[in-house]
Amino acid sequence: MIQSMTGYGKSVLQLPTKKVTIEIKSLNSKNLDLNVRIPSYYKEKELSVRKKLANALVRGKVDFSIFVEMTGNESSAKINHSVVKEYMEQLRNLVDPVKTSEVELLKMAIRMPDALKAEREEFDENEWSSITQNIDLAIQEIIQYRVEEAASLEIDFKERITNIRTYLEEVKALNRDRVENVKTRLKKAIDDLKVDADENRFEQELIYYLEKLDINEEKVRLANHLDYFLLTLSSEVSNGKKLGFIVQEMGREINTTGSKANYAPMQKAVIQMKNELEQIKEQILNVL
């Protein structure tokens, strides 16, 4: 079962004093490109988070974020009493005490540098354990998203493989007419020269020429590649790189068939195969 590299997963955890939102977004990429954003007090767990994401998502441009919203009454910012008192004392010496009340002095002092001090939140192992469980939920959600996204890709791939196989059968059917066409054109070319040609020599040259244009091997190999593509597509493990390699091999056989065709109706069928293959190439870039 293939997976798309495009996906989205989210989970929300409500703790006693905070709400923790975990988001994972992914897009297609040749390799794993991880961007992790988490609060500073969880930084010691960043490496384990990266390892977990790498093992689960394998490949893609992945953005992982943990957002924390404080919902409790406690605040991490505390008033620096000694600093505020010192500011107020200095302000008393600068302003008219009759016109300025203590409340006004406090308002001015609280705005001054270092009037508030932020207390760093300590790491809580139990809290992180709950967050880890929600990270797993977000990962499960993005994987499910990837599977569902890939379902439509799989249907499209199978349709286009069927189309290429249909055009391949058309190429096989046209092969006899192509050989006769080549014989006729060569014979006409010799007749136009108005020279006597040795029939045995002509047959030898014709056989040599037709061997150069023979596409039996290309037809067999292309058919095998089509079967192998479908077999890989239906495997339990999603392997976009392997599918990409098979598509490249299919392209080589189709191109070689086109270069050897030397017959307009067959070349039209080859062009149709190339068109179907290009559509597969574009979509295969998004397969994990």
C-alpha atoms as a PDB file:
ATOM      1  CA  MET A   1       0.000   0.000   0.000  1.00  0.00           C
ATOM      2  CA  ILE A   2       1.550   3.258  -1.093  1.00  0.00           C
ATOM      3  CA  GLN A   3       1.565   6.463   0.922  1.00  0.00           C
ATOM      4  CA  SER A   4       1.640  10.068  -0.215  1.00  0.00           C
ATOM      5  CA  MET A   5       4.266  12.367   1.259  1.00  0.00           C
ATOM      6  CA  THR A   6       1.610  15.067   1.646  1.00  0.00           C
ATOM      7  CA  GLY A   7      -0.118  14.904   5.005  1.00  0.00           C
ATOM      8  CA  TYR A   8      -1.358  16.647   8.121  1.00  0.00           C
ATOM      9  CA  GLY A   9      -1.805  15.485  11.702  1.00  0.00           C
ATOM     10  CA  LYS A  10      -2.915  17.280  14.841  1.00  0.00           C
ATOM     11  CA  SER A  11      -3.657  16.482  18.477  1.00  0.00           C
ATOM     12  CA  VAL A  12      -4.629  18.684  21.439  1.00  0.00           C
ATOM     13  CA  LEU A  13      -3.803  17.902  25.060  1.00  0.00           C
ATOM     14  CA  GLN A  14      -5.434  19.781  27.936  1.00  0.00           C
ATOM     15  CA  LEU A  15      -3.258  19.851  31.055  1.00  0.00           C
ATOM     16  CA  PRO A  16      -4.229  21.460  34.402  1.00  0.00           C
ATOM     17  CA  THR A  17      -2.556  24.811  33.619  1.00  0.00           C
ATOM     18  CA  LYS A  18      -1.947  24.700  29.859  1.00  0.00           C
ATOM     19  CA  LYS A  19      -3.214  23.531  26.496  1.00  0.00           C
ATOM     20  CA  VAL A  20      -0.661  21.755  24.305  1.00  0.00           C
ATOM     21  CA  THR A  21      -1.300  21.604  20.554  1.00  0.00           C
ATOM     22  CA  ILE A  22       0.819  19.303  18.397  1.00  0.00           C
ATOM     23  CA  GLU A  23       0.865  19.758  14.609  1.00  0.00           C
ATOM     24  CA  ILE A  24       2.671  17.821  11.884  1.00  0.00           C
ATOM     25  CA  LYS A  25       2.681  18.867   8.222  1.00  0.00           C
ATOM     26  CA  SER A  26       4.533  17.145   5.395  1.00  0.00           C
ATOM     27  CA  LEU A  27       5.204  17.723   1.701  1.00  0.00           C
ATOM     28  CA  ASN A  28       7.168  15.769  -0.881  1.00  0.00           C
ATOM     29  CA  SER A  29      10.967  15.754  -0.779  1.00  0.00           C
ATOM     30  CA  LYS A  30      13.726  13.465  -2.053  1.00  0.00           C
ATOM     31  CA  ASN A  31      14.909  12.831   1.505  1.00  0.00           C
ATOM     32  CA  LEU A  32      13.762  13.483   5.067  1.00  0.00           C
ATOM     33  CA  ASP A  33      13.839  17.216   5.854  1.00  0.00           C
ATOM     34  CA  LEU A  34      12.761  17.775   9.470  1.00  0.00           C
ATOM     35  CA  ASN A  35      11.885  21.158  10.962  1.00  0.00           C
ATOM     36  CA  VAL A  36      11.096  20.885  14.692  1.00  0.00           C
ATOM     37  CA  ARG A  37       9.754  23.782  16.771  1.00  0.00           C
ATOM     38  CA  ILE A  38       9.158  23.157  20.481  1.00  0.00           C
ATOM     39  CA  PRO A  39       9.237  25.330  23.643  1.00  0.00           C
ATOM     40  CA  SER A  40      12.659  25.776  25.233  1.00  0.00           C
ATOM     41  CA  TYR A  41      11.767  23.791  28.369  1.00  0.00           C
ATOM     42  CA  TYR A  42      11.173  20.708  26.179  1.00  0.00           C
ATOM     43  CA  LYS A  43      14.414  21.113  24.197  1.00  0.00           C
ATOM     44  CA  GLU A  44      16.138  18.209  25.936  1.00  0.00           C
ATOM     45  CA  LYS A  45      13.601  15.905  24.264  1.00  0.00           C
ATOM     46  CA  GLU A  46      14.082  17.268  20.743  1.00  0.00           C
ATOM     47  CA  LEU A  47      16.443  14.489  19.620  1.00  0.00           C
ATOM     48  CA  SER A  48      14.014  11.769  20.720  1.00  0.00           C
ATOM     49  CA  VAL A  49      11.186  13.590  18.903  1.00  0.00           C
ATOM     50  CA  ARG A  50      13.264  13.784  15.723  1.00  0.00           C
ATOM     51  CA  LYS A  51      14.062  10.062  15.930  1.00  0.00           C
ATOM     52  CA  LYS A  52      10.390   9.192  16.437  1.00  0.00           C
ATOM     53  CA  LEU A  53       9.349  11.300  13.421  1.00  0.00           C
ATOM     54  CA  ALA A  54      12.121   9.903  11.219  1.00  0.00           C
ATOM     55  CA  ASN A  55      11.170   6.294  12.001  1.00  0.00           C
ATOM     56  CA  ALA A  56       7.464   6.901  11.392  1.00  0.00           C
ATOM     57  CA  LEU A  57       7.458   9.269   8.394  1.00  0.00           C
ATOM     58  CA  VAL A  58      10.661   8.094   6.602  1.00  0.00           C
ATOM     59  CA  ARG A  59      10.734  10.777   3.892  1.00  0.00           C
ATOM     60  CA  GLY A  60       9.356  14.212   3.066  1.00  0.00           C
ATOM     61  CA  LYS A  61       9.634  17.852   4.124  1.00  0.00           C
ATOM     62  CA  VAL A  62       8.173  17.632   7.629  1.00  0.00           C
ATOM     63  CA  ASP A  63       7.239  20.563   9.894  1.00  0.00           C
ATOM     64  CA  PHE A  64       6.619  19.578  13.522  1.00  0.00           C
ATOM     65  CA  SER A  65       5.396  22.076  16.125  1.00  0.00           C
ATOM     66  CA  ILE A  66       4.364  22.065  19.757  1.00  0.00           C
ATOM     67  CA  PHE A  67       2.327  25.128  20.793  1.00  0.00           C
ATOM     68  CA  VAL A  68       1.677  25.797  24.488  1.00  0.00           C
ATOM     69  CA  GLU A  69      -1.118  28.071  25.682  1.00  0.00           C
ATOM     70  CA  MET A  70      -1.277  28.833  29.413  1.00  0.00           C
ATOM     71  CA  THR A  71      -4.822  28.390  30.731  1.00  0.00           C
ATOM     72  CA  GLY A  72      -4.227  28.399  34.539  1.00  0.00           C
ATOM     73  CA  ASN A  73      -4.217  31.338  36.901  1.00  0.00           C
ATOM     74  CA  GLU A  74      -0.502  31.122  37.620  1.00  0.00           C
ATOM     75  CA  SER A  75       1.834  33.366  35.656  1.00  0.00           C
ATOM     76  CA  SER A  76       5.474  32.700  34.888  1.00  0.00           C
ATOM     77  CA  ALA A  77       6.231  36.441  35.142  1.00  0.00           C
ATOM     78  CA  LYS A  78       6.854  37.806  38.642  1.00  0.00           C
ATOM     79  CA  ILE A  79       7.270  41.404  39.863  1.00  0.00           C
ATOM     80  CA  ASN A  80      10.825  42.225  40.854  1.00  0.00           C
ATOM     81  CA  HIS A  81       9.943  44.054  44.073  1.00  0.00           C
ATOM     82  CA  SER A  82      13.339  45.511  44.891  1.00  0.00           C
ATOM     83  CA  VAL A  83      13.825  46.886  41.384  1.00  0.00           C
ATOM     84  CA  VAL A  84      10.330  48.427  41.264  1.00  0.00           C
ATOM     85  CA  LYS A  85      10.839  50.098  44.686  1.00  0.00           C
ATOM     86  CA  GLU A  86      14.143  51.552  43.538  1.00  0.00           C
ATOM     87  CA  TYR A  87      12.528  52.919  40.361  1.00  0.00           C
ATOM     88  CA  MET A  88       9.719  54.522  42.398  1.00  0.00           C
ATOM     89  CA  GLU A  89      12.230  56.131  44.764  1.00  0.00           C
ATOM     90  CA  GLN A  90      14.113  57.653  41.853  1.00  0.00           C
ATOM     91  CA  LEU A  91      10.891  58.819  40.197  1.00  0.00           C
ATOM     92  CA  ARG A  92       9.826  60.618  43.393  1.00  0.00           C
ATOM     93  CA  ASN A  93      12.898  62.768  43.088  1.00  0.00           C
ATOM     94  CA  LEU A  94      11.984  63.695  39.512  1.00  0.00           C
ATOM     95  CA  VAL A  95       8.259  64.467  39.716  1.00  0.00           C
ATOM     96  CA  ASP A  96       6.053  66.753  41.767  1.00  0.00           C
ATOM     97  CA  PRO A  97       4.721  64.594  44.663  1.00  0.00           C
ATOM     98  CA  VAL A  98       1.589  66.726  44.862  1.00  0.00           C
ATOM     99  CA  LYS A  99       0.598  66.117  41.233  1.00  0.00           C
ATOM    100  CA  THR A 100       1.769  62.518  41.050  1.00  0.00           C
ATOM    101  CA  SER A 101       0.262  59.808  43.237  1.00  0.00           C
ATOM    102  CA  GLU A 102       1.895  56.563  44.331  1.00  0.00           C
ATOM    103  CA  VAL A 103      -0.280  54.702  41.823  1.00  0.00           C
ATOM    104  CA  GLU A 104       1.074  56.820  38.955  1.00  0.00           C
ATOM    105  CA  LEU A 105       4.624  56.200  40.158  1.00  0.00           C
ATOM    106  CA  LEU A 106       3.935  52.451  40.234  1.00  0.00           C
ATOM    107  CA  LYS A 107       2.538  52.505  36.688  1.00  0.00           C
ATOM    108  CA  MET A 108       5.704  54.213  35.462  1.00  0.00           C
ATOM    109  CA  ALA A 109       8.039  51.953  37.439  1.00  0.00           C
ATOM    110  CA  ILE A 110       6.418  48.731  36.252  1.00  0.00           C
ATOM    111  CA  ARG A 111       7.190  49.683  32.654  1.00  0.00           C
ATOM    112  CA  MET A 112      10.904  50.080  33.338  1.00  0.00           C
ATOM    113  CA  PRO A 113      13.487  47.402  32.360  1.00  0.00           C
ATOM    114  CA  ASP A 114      13.763  44.381  34.686  1.00  0.00           C
ATOM    115  CA  ALA A 115      10.605  45.337  36.584  1.00  0.00           C
ATOM    116  CA  LEU A 116       9.239  41.915  35.724  1.00  0.00           C
ATOM    117  CA  LYS A 117      11.248  38.713  35.879  1.00  0.00           C
ATOM    118  CA  ALA A 118      10.251  35.562  34.013  1.00  0.00           C
ATOM    119  CA  GLU A 119      10.631  32.337  35.898  1.00  0.00           C
ATOM    120  CA  ARG A 120      11.743  29.459  33.703  1.00  0.00           C
ATOM    121  CA  GLU A 121       9.320  26.554  33.773  1.00  0.00           C
ATOM    122  CA  GLU A 122      10.878  23.326  34.979  1.00  0.00           C
ATOM    123  CA  PHE A 123      10.681  20.150  32.911  1.00  0.00           C
ATOM    124  CA  ASP A 124       8.021  17.726  34.133  1.00  0.00           C
ATOM    125  CA  GLU A 125       8.580  14.069  33.146  1.00  0.00           C
ATOM    126  CA  ASN A 126       4.955  13.076  33.769  1.00  0.00           C
ATOM    127  CA  GLU A 127       3.734  15.975  31.658  1.00  0.00           C
ATOM    128  CA  TRP A 128       6.096  14.981  28.857  1.00  0.00           C
ATOM    129  CA  SER A 129       4.797  11.409  28.999  1.00  0.00           C
ATOM    130  CA  SER A 130       1.294  12.702  28.205  1.00  0.00           C
ATOM    131  CA  ILE A 131       2.673  14.895  25.422  1.00  0.00           C
ATOM    132  CA  THR A 132       4.518  11.881  23.929  1.00  0.00           C
ATOM    133  CA  GLN A 133       1.250   9.961  23.721  1.00  0.00           C
ATOM    134  CA  ASN A 134      -0.309  12.868  21.836  1.00  0.00           C
ATOM    135  CA  ILE A 135       2.671  13.063  19.504  1.00  0.00           C
ATOM    136  CA  ASP A 136       1.967   9.412  18.650  1.00  0.00           C
ATOM    137  CA  LEU A 137      -1.680  10.291  17.972  1.00  0.00           C
ATOM    138  CA  ALA A 138      -0.644  13.119  15.623  1.00  0.00           C
ATOM    139  CA  ILE A 139       1.738  10.753  13.816  1.00  0.00           C
ATOM    140  CA  GLN A 140      -1.039   8.165  13.397  1.00  0.00           C
ATOM    141  CA  GLU A 141      -3.289  10.877  11.985  1.00  0.00           C
ATOM    142  CA  ILE A 142      -0.750  12.100   9.419  1.00  0.00           C
ATOM    143  CA  ILE A 143      -0.003   8.512   8.333  1.00  0.00           C
ATOM    144  CA  GLN A 144      -3.718   7.898   7.835  1.00  0.00           C
ATOM    145  CA  TYR A 145      -3.918  11.143   5.851  1.00  0.00           C
ATOM    146  CA  ARG A 146      -1.003   9.961   3.689  1.00  0.00           C
ATOM    147  CA  VAL A 147      -2.682   6.606   3.025  1.00  0.00           C
ATOM    148  CA  GLU A 148      -5.978   8.237   2.030  1.00  0.00           C
ATOM    149  CA  GLU A 149      -4.170  10.776  -0.149  1.00  0.00           C
ATOM    150  CA  ALA A 150      -2.323   7.956  -1.928  1.00  0.00           C
ATOM    151  CA  ALA A 151      -5.503   5.977  -2.652  1.00  0.00           C
ATOM    152  CA  SER A 152      -6.468   8.318  -5.507  1.00  0.00           C
ATOM    153  CA  LEU A 153      -2.876   8.205  -6.809  1.00  0.00           C
ATOM    154  CA  GLU A 154      -2.979   4.410  -6.904  1.00  0.00           C
ATOM    155  CA  ILE A 155      -6.194   4.431  -8.946  1.00  0.00           C
ATOM    156  CA  ASP A 156      -4.651   6.918 -11.390  1.00  0.00           C
ATOM    157  CA  PHE A 157      -1.446   4.861 -11.719  1.00  0.00           C
ATOM    158  CA  LYS A 158      -3.382   1.676 -12.502  1.00  0.00           C
ATOM    159  CA  GLU A 159      -5.478   3.452 -15.136  1.00  0.00           C
ATOM    160  CA  ARG A 160      -2.398   4.861 -16.853  1.00  0.00           C
ATOM    161  CA  ILE A 161      -0.564   1.523 -16.742  1.00  0.00           C
ATOM    162  CA  THR A 162      -3.629  -0.042 -18.380  1.00  0.00           C
ATOM    163  CA  ASN A 163      -3.545   2.677 -21.058  1.00  0.00           C
ATOM    164  CA  ILE A 164       0.156   2.078 -21.751  1.00  0.00           C
ATOM    165  CA  ARG A 165      -0.523  -1.660 -22.047  1.00  0.00           C
ATOM    166  CA  THR A 166      -3.341  -0.925 -24.519  1.00  0.00           C
ATOM    167  CA  TYR A 167      -1.012   1.207 -26.654  1.00  0.00           C
ATOM    168  CA  LEU A 168       1.630  -1.520 -26.430  1.00  0.00           C
ATOM    169  CA  GLU A 169      -0.855  -4.017 -27.875  1.00  0.00           C
ATOM    170  CA  GLU A 170      -1.541  -1.498 -30.611  1.00  0.00           C
ATOM    171  CA  VAL A 171       2.185  -1.329 -31.352  1.00  0.00           C
ATOM    172  CA  LYS A 172       2.324  -5.129 -31.576  1.00  0.00           C
ATOM    173  CA  ALA A 173      -0.631  -5.166 -33.967  1.00  0.00           C
ATOM    174  CA  LEU A 174       0.995  -2.525 -36.178  1.00  0.00           C
ATOM    175  CA  ASN A 175       4.331  -4.323 -36.372  1.00  0.00           C
ATOM    176  CA  ARG A 176       3.407  -6.538 -39.363  1.00  0.00           C
ATOM    177  CA  ASP A 177       2.156  -3.553 -41.368  1.00  0.00           C
ATOM    178  CA  ARG A 178       5.326  -1.678 -40.403  1.00  0.00           C
ATOM    179  CA  VAL A 179       7.584  -4.420 -41.791  1.00  0.00           C
ATOM    180  CA  GLU A 180       5.633  -4.495 -45.043  1.00  0.00           C
ATOM    181  CA  ASN A 181       5.810  -0.716 -45.225  1.00  0.00           C
ATOM    182  CA  VAL A 182       9.591  -0.771 -44.788  1.00  0.00           C
ATOM    183  CA  LYS A 183       9.956  -3.397 -47.507  1.00  0.00           C
ATOM    184  CA  THR A 184       7.774  -1.401 -49.890  1.00  0.00           C
ATOM    185  CA  ARG A 185       9.666   1.848 -49.281  1.00  0.00           C
ATOM    186  CA  LEU A 186      13.066   0.243 -49.762  1.00  0.00           C
ATOM    187  CA  LYS A 187      11.910  -1.510 -52.935  1.00  0.00           C
ATOM    188  CA  LYS A 188      10.480   1.743 -54.283  1.00  0.00           C
ATOM    189  CA  ALA A 189      13.703   3.585 -53.484  1.00  0.00           C
ATOM    190  CA  ILE A 190      15.700   1.040 -55.497  1.00  0.00           C
ATOM    191  CA  ASP A 191      13.215   1.140 -58.356  1.00  0.00           C
ATOM    192  CA  ASP A 192      13.436   4.934 -58.453  1.00  0.00           C
ATOM    193  CA  LEU A 193      17.178   4.626 -58.931  1.00  0.00           C
ATOM    194  CA  LYS A 194      16.426   2.656 -62.113  1.00  0.00           C
ATOM    195  CA  VAL A 195      19.242   0.185 -61.546  1.00  0.00           C
ATOM    196  CA  ASP A 196      19.226  -3.587 -61.581  1.00  0.00           C
ATOM    197  CA  ALA A 197      19.399  -4.991 -58.046  1.00  0.00           C
ATOM    198  CA  ASP A 198      20.361  -8.504 -57.110  1.00  0.00           C
ATOM    199  CA  GLU A 199      17.337 -10.018 -55.363  1.00  0.00           C
ATOM    200  CA  ASN A 200      19.448 -12.122 -52.985  1.00  0.00           C
ATOM    201  CA  ARG A 201      21.536  -9.118 -52.024  1.00  0.00           C
ATOM    202  CA  PHE A 202      18.387  -7.068 -51.606  1.00  0.00           C
ATOM    203  CA  GLU A 203      16.890  -9.673 -49.268  1.00  0.00           C
ATOM    204  CA  GLN A 204      20.106  -9.793 -47.211  1.00  0.00           C
ATOM    205  CA  GLU A 205      20.205  -6.025 -46.844  1.00  0.00           C
ATOM    206  CA  LEU A 206      16.502  -5.965 -46.014  1.00  0.00           C
ATOM    207  CA  ILE A 207      16.942  -8.574 -43.280  1.00  0.00           C
ATOM    208  CA  TYR A 208      19.890  -6.610 -41.840  1.00  0.00           C
ATOM    209  CA  TYR A 209      17.857  -3.399 -41.896  1.00  0.00           C
ATOM    210  CA  LEU A 210      14.806  -5.021 -40.292  1.00  0.00           C
ATOM    211  CA  GLU A 211      16.982  -6.493 -37.540  1.00  0.00           C
ATOM    212  CA  LYS A 212      18.109  -2.956 -36.718  1.00  0.00           C
ATOM    213  CA  LEU A 213      14.454  -1.921 -36.421  1.00  0.00           C
ATOM    214  CA  ASP A 214      13.329  -5.001 -34.481  1.00  0.00           C
ATOM    215  CA  ILE A 215      11.426  -4.041 -31.297  1.00  0.00           C
ATOM    216  CA  ASN A 216      10.542  -7.475 -29.911  1.00  0.00           C
ATOM    217  CA  GLU A 217      12.939  -7.153 -26.975  1.00  0.00           C
ATOM    218  CA  GLU A 218      11.632  -3.683 -26.127  1.00  0.00           C
ATOM    219  CA  LYS A 219       8.026  -4.936 -26.177  1.00  0.00           C
ATOM    220  CA  VAL A 220       8.823  -7.848 -23.859  1.00  0.00           C
ATOM    221  CA  ARG A 221      10.828  -5.711 -21.432  1.00  0.00           C
ATOM    222  CA  LEU A 222       8.176  -2.987 -21.345  1.00  0.00           C
ATOM    223  CA  ALA A 223       5.468  -5.542 -20.596  1.00  0.00           C
ATOM    224  CA  ASN A 224       7.609  -6.930 -17.766  1.00  0.00           C
ATOM    225  CA  HIS A 225       8.169  -3.433 -16.355  1.00  0.00           C
ATOM    226  CA  LEU A 226       4.417  -2.788 -16.391  1.00  0.00           C
ATOM    227  CA  ASP A 227       3.807  -5.990 -14.427  1.00  0.00           C
ATOM    228  CA  TYR A 228       6.596  -5.191 -11.968  1.00  0.00           C
ATOM    229  CA  PHE A 229       5.249  -1.675 -11.415  1.00  0.00           C
ATOM    230  CA  LEU A 230       1.827  -3.055 -10.455  1.00  0.00           C
ATOM    231  CA  LEU A 231       3.409  -5.702  -8.226  1.00  0.00           C
ATOM    232  CA  THR A 232       5.453  -3.050  -6.379  1.00  0.00           C
ATOM    233  CA  LEU A 233       2.405  -0.787  -6.169  1.00  0.00           C
ATOM    234  CA  SER A 234       0.432  -3.500  -4.363  1.00  0.00           C
ATOM    235  CA  SER A 235       3.188  -4.396  -1.870  1.00  0.00           C
ATOM    236  CA  GLU A 236       2.651  -3.668   1.833  1.00  0.00           C
ATOM    237  CA  VAL A 237       5.573  -1.224   1.989  1.00  0.00           C
ATOM    238  CA  SER A 238       5.347   2.114   0.173  1.00  0.00           C
ATOM    239  CA  ASN A 239       8.461   2.550  -1.972  1.00  0.00           C
ATOM    240  CA  GLY A 240       8.226   5.629  -4.178  1.00  0.00           C
ATOM    241  CA  LYS A 241      11.922   5.535  -5.102  1.00  0.00           C
ATOM    242  CA  LYS A 242      11.631   1.972  -6.423  1.00  0.00           C
ATOM    243  CA  LEU A 243       8.532   2.886  -8.420  1.00  0.00           C
ATOM    244  CA  GLY A 244      10.476   5.848  -9.811  1.00  0.00           C
ATOM    245  CA  PHE A 245      13.289   3.549 -10.989  1.00  0.00           C
ATOM    246  CA  ILE A 246      10.782   1.242 -12.708  1.00  0.00           C
ATOM    247  CA  VAL A 247       9.219   4.253 -14.446  1.00  0.00           C
ATOM    248  CA  GLN A 248      12.670   5.246 -15.734  1.00  0.00           C
ATOM    249  CA  GLU A 249      13.157   1.788 -17.225  1.00  0.00           C
ATOM    250  CA  MET A 250       9.727   1.941 -18.824  1.00  0.00           C
ATOM    251  CA  GLY A 251      10.711   5.273 -20.362  1.00  0.00           C
ATOM    252  CA  ARG A 252      13.867   3.776 -21.891  1.00  0.00           C
ATOM    253  CA  GLU A 253      11.929   0.983 -23.586  1.00  0.00           C
ATOM    254  CA  ILE A 254       9.265   3.367 -24.893  1.00  0.00           C
ATOM    255  CA  ASN A 255      11.895   5.792 -26.229  1.00  0.00           C
ATOM    256  CA  THR A 256      13.822   2.994 -27.933  1.00  0.00           C
ATOM    257  CA  THR A 257      10.609   1.692 -29.501  1.00  0.00           C
ATOM    258  CA  GLY A 258       9.875   5.182 -30.805  1.00  0.00           C
ATOM    259  CA  SER A 259      13.343   5.598 -32.292  1.00  0.00           C
ATOM    260  CA  LYS A 260      13.069   2.233 -34.060  1.00  0.00           C
ATOM    261  CA  ALA A 261       9.433   2.560 -35.144  1.00  0.00           C
ATOM    262  CA  ASN A 262      10.075   4.262 -38.486  1.00  0.00           C
ATOM    263  CA  TYR A 263       6.339   4.070 -39.092  1.00  0.00           C
ATOM    264  CA  ALA A 264       3.934   6.951 -38.442  1.00  0.00           C
ATOM    265  CA  PRO A 265       0.975   4.979 -36.960  1.00  0.00           C
ATOM    266  CA  MET A 266       3.317   3.212 -34.549  1.00  0.00           C
ATOM    267  CA  GLN A 267       5.006   6.466 -33.567  1.00  0.00           C
ATOM    268  CA  LYS A 268       1.594   7.915 -32.696  1.00  0.00           C
ATOM    269  CA  ALA A 269       0.978   5.020 -30.301  1.00  0.00           C
ATOM    270  CA  VAL A 270       4.431   5.566 -28.792  1.00  0.00           C
ATOM    271  CA  ILE A 271       3.643   9.260 -28.233  1.00  0.00           C
ATOM    272  CA  GLN A 272       0.486   8.263 -26.372  1.00  0.00           C
ATOM    273  CA  MET A 273       2.538   5.933 -24.176  1.00  0.00           C
ATOM    274  CA  LYS A 274       4.991   8.746 -23.440  1.00  0.00           C
ATOM    275  CA  ASN A 275       2.138  11.041 -22.483  1.00  0.00           C
ATOM    276  CA  GLU A 276       0.738   8.504 -20.018  1.00  0.00           C
ATOM    277  CA  LEU A 277       4.202   7.879 -18.583  1.00  0.00           C
ATOM    278  CA  GLU A 278       4.851  11.593 -18.048  1.00  0.00           C
ATOM    279  CA  GLN A 279       1.674  11.812 -15.980  1.00  0.00           C
ATOM    280  CA  ILE A 280       2.935   8.928 -13.842  1.00  0.00           C
ATOM    281  CA  LYS A 281       6.359  10.588 -13.435  1.00  0.00           C
ATOM    282  CA  GLU A 282       4.790  13.785 -12.106  1.00  0.00           C
ATOM    283  CA  GLN A 283       2.676  11.963  -9.533  1.00  0.00           C
ATOM    284  CA  ILE A 284       5.330   9.440  -8.475  1.00  0.00           C
ATOM    285  CA  LEU A 285       7.372  12.289  -6.956  1.00  0.00           C
ATOM    286  CA  ASN A 286       4.767  12.540  -4.189  1.00  0.00           C
ATOM    287  CA  VAL A 287       4.856   8.846  -3.257  1.00  0.00           C
ATOM    288  CA  LEU A 288       6.708   7.911  -0.084  1.00  0.00           C
END
